[in-house]
Structure formats: C-alpha cells, structure tokens
Amino acid sequence: MREQSFTGALGVKVTRDGIARTGRVSHNVEGGHLEILRSAVVGDRLVTVSSAGVEASPLDGLAHQGVLAFPDAGGGGGGAGPDVPMGR
C-alpha cells in the first residue's frame, strides 16, 4: 500500500523506546501545498516558514494556530490579507 505524498514538516517525539510521529504541518495555498523552507521551536510552538508566510503551531499535536502572510512578492501591491494573531 502506497502512502499519499506530503509536503510540509513532520513532528516526531524521540524517547528511549523509539521515534513516534506527533503530527504534521503544511502551508496550504490555493492549488496545493508550499514547501516549508525553515522551521524552529520557539517556546511551546513550532514556527514554520514558506514563501507565503510564517505559521505557528503548538508542539502538543501541531494543530494550526495562526499565520502571518507575507506581502505580495510580485510587486502588485495587493498584500496578502489580514494578520492572524499567533497567541501569547
């Protein structure tokens, strides 16, 4: 059985007993998913960066918490929409 492809970041927990998947994060845009270029743990959140913006997800489950979209990189001046609070 072949697993469907995934573009994003995979969260894992490493213990003496092994490695377990804890969740996954993807940056969804109209038409698909973007490659995550960078990721870092900041406090109790995973912060991921793609060409579209920055997203924060809590470490316990990696659920979507908030996103800050980058301004339109094409020079059109349209911007990327409203900012969404990222918590604390």
Foldseek 3Di string as FASTA:
>chain_A
DDDDDDAFDWDWDQDPVGIDTQETDFDDDVPGTFHFDDWDDDPQWIWTDGQQWIFIAGNRRRDGQFTAGAAPPVPPRPGDDDGTDRDD
